[in-house]
Protein backbone atom coordinates (compact mmCIF):
# COMPACT_ATOMS: atom_id res chain seq x y z
CA MET A 1 25.78 33.20 79.35
CA ASP A 2 24.52 29.92 77.89
CA PRO A 3 20.77 29.66 78.64
CA GLU A 4 20.96 25.93 79.43
CA LEU A 5 23.88 26.45 81.82
CA ALA A 6 22.09 29.41 83.36
CA GLU A 7 19.09 27.17 83.99
CA LEU A 8 21.32 24.53 85.60
CA HIS A 9 22.83 27.19 87.82
CA GLY A 10 19.41 28.55 88.73
CA ASP A 11 18.20 25.07 89.66
CA ALA A 12 21.27 24.43 91.82
CA LYS A 13 20.91 27.82 93.49
CA ARG A 14 17.22 27.19 94.25
CA ALA A 15 18.03 23.73 95.66
CA GLN A 16 20.66 25.29 97.93
CA GLU A 17 18.22 27.99 99.09
CA ILE A 18 15.49 25.43 99.83
CA ALA A 19 17.96 23.27 101.75
CA ALA A 20 19.21 26.33 103.66
CA ASN A 21 15.65 27.25 104.65
CA ARG A 22 14.96 23.69 105.83
CA ALA A 23 18.21 23.54 107.78
CA ALA A 24 17.51 26.91 109.41
CA ALA A 25 14.01 25.79 110.40
CA ARG A 26 15.36 22.51 111.82
CA PRO A 27 18.85 23.21 113.18
CA ASN A 28 19.00 19.92 115.11
CA ASP A 29 17.90 17.77 112.15
CA THR A 30 21.04 16.06 110.87
CA ASP A 31 19.29 15.02 107.64
CA ALA A 32 18.41 18.66 106.89
CA GLN A 33 21.97 19.74 107.67
CA ALA A 34 23.37 16.99 105.44
CA GLU A 35 20.98 18.01 102.64
CA LEU A 36 22.22 21.61 102.94
CA TRP A 37 25.85 20.47 102.81
CA ARG A 38 25.18 18.38 99.67
CA ALA A 39 23.31 21.27 97.99
CA GLU A 40 26.12 23.69 98.81
CA GLN A 41 28.74 21.27 97.49
CA ALA A 42 26.76 20.70 94.28
CA LEU A 43 26.36 24.45 93.75
CA GLU A 44 30.05 25.10 94.41
CA GLU A 45 31.13 22.33 92.01
CA LEU A 46 28.78 23.61 89.31
CA GLU A 47 29.98 27.20 89.75
CA ASN A 48 33.61 26.07 89.55
CA ARG A 49 32.83 24.18 86.35
CA LEU A 50 30.99 27.16 84.88
CA ARG A 51 33.88 29.48 85.75
CA ASP A 52 36.33 27.04 84.14
CA GLU A 53 34.17 27.05 81.01
CA ASP A 54 33.82 30.86 81.12
CA ALA A 55 30.07 30.38 81.39
CA ILE A 56 29.78 32.61 84.46
CA VAL A 57 30.78 36.23 84.37
CA GLU A 58 30.92 38.06 87.68
CA PHE A 59 30.30 41.79 87.54
CA THR A 60 31.75 44.23 90.06
CA PHE A 61 30.31 47.72 90.34
CA ARG A 62 31.51 50.86 92.12
CA SER A 63 29.72 54.13 92.73
CA ILE A 64 30.63 56.89 90.33
CA GLY A 65 29.81 59.56 92.94
CA ARG A 66 26.86 61.88 93.26
CA ALA A 67 28.09 64.60 90.89
CA ALA A 68 28.95 62.13 88.12
CA TYR A 69 25.65 60.30 88.63
CA ASP A 70 23.68 63.55 88.38
CA ALA A 71 25.63 64.58 85.26
CA LEU A 72 24.97 61.19 83.67
CA ALA A 73 21.24 61.37 84.45
CA ASN A 74 21.13 64.92 83.04
CA ALA A 75 22.86 63.72 79.87
CA HIS A 76 20.18 61.03 79.44
CA GLN A 77 16.94 62.93 79.90
CA PRO A 78 13.70 61.10 79.01
CA THR A 79 12.15 61.90 75.66
CA ALA A 80 8.79 63.66 75.41
CA LEU A 81 7.28 60.34 74.28
CA GLN A 82 8.74 58.48 77.27
CA ARG A 83 7.37 61.15 79.63
CA ALA A 84 3.93 60.96 78.02
CA GLN A 85 3.89 57.15 78.18
CA ALA A 86 4.95 57.17 81.84
CA LYS A 87 2.24 59.70 82.65
CA ALA A 88 -0.39 57.67 80.76
CA LEU A 89 0.62 54.56 82.72
CA GLY A 90 0.38 56.45 86.02
CA MET A 91 4.09 56.10 86.70
CA GLY A 92 4.63 59.76 87.49
CA GLU A 93 7.74 61.63 86.44
CA ILE A 94 10.55 59.48 85.10
CA MET A 95 14.06 60.61 85.84
CA TRP A 96 16.02 59.40 82.81
CA ASN A 97 15.82 58.05 79.30
CA THR A 98 14.84 54.42 79.76
CA GLU A 99 16.75 53.33 76.66
CA THR A 100 20.03 55.21 76.95
CA PHE A 101 20.60 55.72 80.69
CA PRO A 102 20.70 52.05 81.83
CA PRO A 103 23.63 50.97 79.64
CA ALA A 104 25.40 54.28 80.29
CA LEU A 105 25.11 53.86 84.07
CA VAL A 106 26.22 50.23 83.91
CA ALA A 107 29.22 51.17 81.78
CA ALA A 108 30.17 54.03 84.09
CA SER A 109 29.82 51.93 87.27
CA LEU A 110 31.29 48.66 86.01
CA VAL A 111 34.72 47.87 87.44
CA GLU A 112 35.08 44.25 86.39
CA PRO A 113 34.97 43.04 83.70
CA LYS A 114 36.35 46.10 82.01
CA LEU A 115 33.89 46.92 79.22
CA SER A 116 33.63 50.04 77.11
CA ALA A 117 30.37 51.97 76.84
CA GLU A 118 29.95 50.51 73.34
CA GLU A 119 30.39 46.96 74.64
CA VAL A 120 27.78 47.52 77.36
CA GLU A 121 25.42 49.05 74.80
CA SER A 122 25.88 45.94 72.64
CA ILE A 123 24.78 43.81 75.60
CA TRP A 124 21.57 45.86 75.71
CA ARG A 125 20.99 45.19 72.00
CA ASP A 126 21.93 41.49 72.19
CA ASP A 127 18.88 39.21 71.95
CA ASN A 128 20.71 36.57 74.02
CA TRP A 129 20.34 38.77 77.12
CA ASN A 130 16.81 38.70 78.51
CA GLN A 131 15.11 41.56 80.33
CA ALA A 132 15.66 40.01 83.77
CA GLU A 133 19.42 39.81 83.16
CA LEU A 134 19.58 43.41 81.94
CA ASN A 135 17.49 44.52 84.92
CA ALA A 136 19.89 42.71 87.27
CA LEU A 137 22.83 44.66 85.80
CA LEU A 138 20.93 47.94 86.00
CA GLN A 139 19.76 47.23 89.54
CA ALA A 140 23.32 46.52 90.66
CA ALA A 141 24.52 49.81 89.14
CA VAL A 142 21.63 51.78 90.64
CA GLU A 143 22.11 50.15 94.03
CA VAL A 144 25.83 50.81 94.24
CA ASN A 145 25.21 54.45 93.34
CA GLY A 146 22.26 54.88 95.69
CA THR A 147 23.35 52.92 98.72
CA ARG A 148 24.43 54.89 101.72
CA ARG A 149 27.62 53.93 103.45
CA THR A 150 27.41 54.59 107.16
CA VAL A 151 30.55 55.94 108.72
CA GLU A 152 30.56 57.08 112.34
CA LEU A 153 32.33 60.39 112.68
CA GLY A 154 32.67 62.89 115.44
CA LYS A 155 33.35 63.23 119.11
CA GLY A 156 33.24 59.96 121.01
CA SER A 157 32.66 57.87 117.91
CA SER A 158 33.95 54.37 118.30
CA LYS A 159 34.96 54.35 114.64
CA THR A 160 37.03 57.54 114.75
CA ARG A 161 40.76 56.98 115.02
CA SER A 162 43.12 59.37 116.73
CA SER A 163 44.30 62.14 114.44
CA GLY A 164 47.56 62.46 116.30
CA PRO A 165 49.30 62.17 119.64
CA ASN A 166 47.65 65.33 121.00
CA SER A 167 44.13 64.48 119.86
CA THR A 168 41.50 64.74 122.57
CA THR A 169 38.39 64.25 120.45
CA ALA A 170 39.00 60.82 119.00
CA ALA A 171 39.48 57.29 120.27
CA SER A 172 42.78 56.80 122.02
CA GLU A 173 43.90 53.82 119.96
CA GLU A 174 46.92 54.07 117.72
CA SER A 175 46.30 55.18 114.15
CA PRO A 176 47.31 52.52 111.61
CA THR A 177 50.01 53.31 109.12
CA ALA A 178 48.53 54.12 105.74
CA SER A 179 50.20 53.43 102.44
CA SER A 180 49.23 54.78 99.07
């Protein structure tokens, strides 16, 4: 959350990415591999320090489901002004209110840390959060709600477990015991 610490983290992350690219391009180069190891160690040490100082906050998001997502988008319709501005900029039809929907979706999708809708809205109003950081939160919430999970189902599917001892349409492996 501290801009200076965020910059340090960004620098360490970029150094690790550069080293990873070099090591991938030269897998037999021991110097490149050693550089990658040092960059990874430096990044890990910095991240541990930042976690210890509560300077890094990790966000975990979960899909709210299609019906809840649609209801949330419907509750945050774009204003006439927002529609006119989008049209004037050649953006086409916008789907939601650009001011109220992002924090509402983040709040609804955020699992960890537990924040209320008001707390998420305060992040959006906080001058210490820049647009890239807010966009990263919104993108994570949009992605988790718009990403398709592929599950193989049906006859002959390798991912389908037996539904019972008499099942003839599923894999013949034993079904694991479920607990709830």
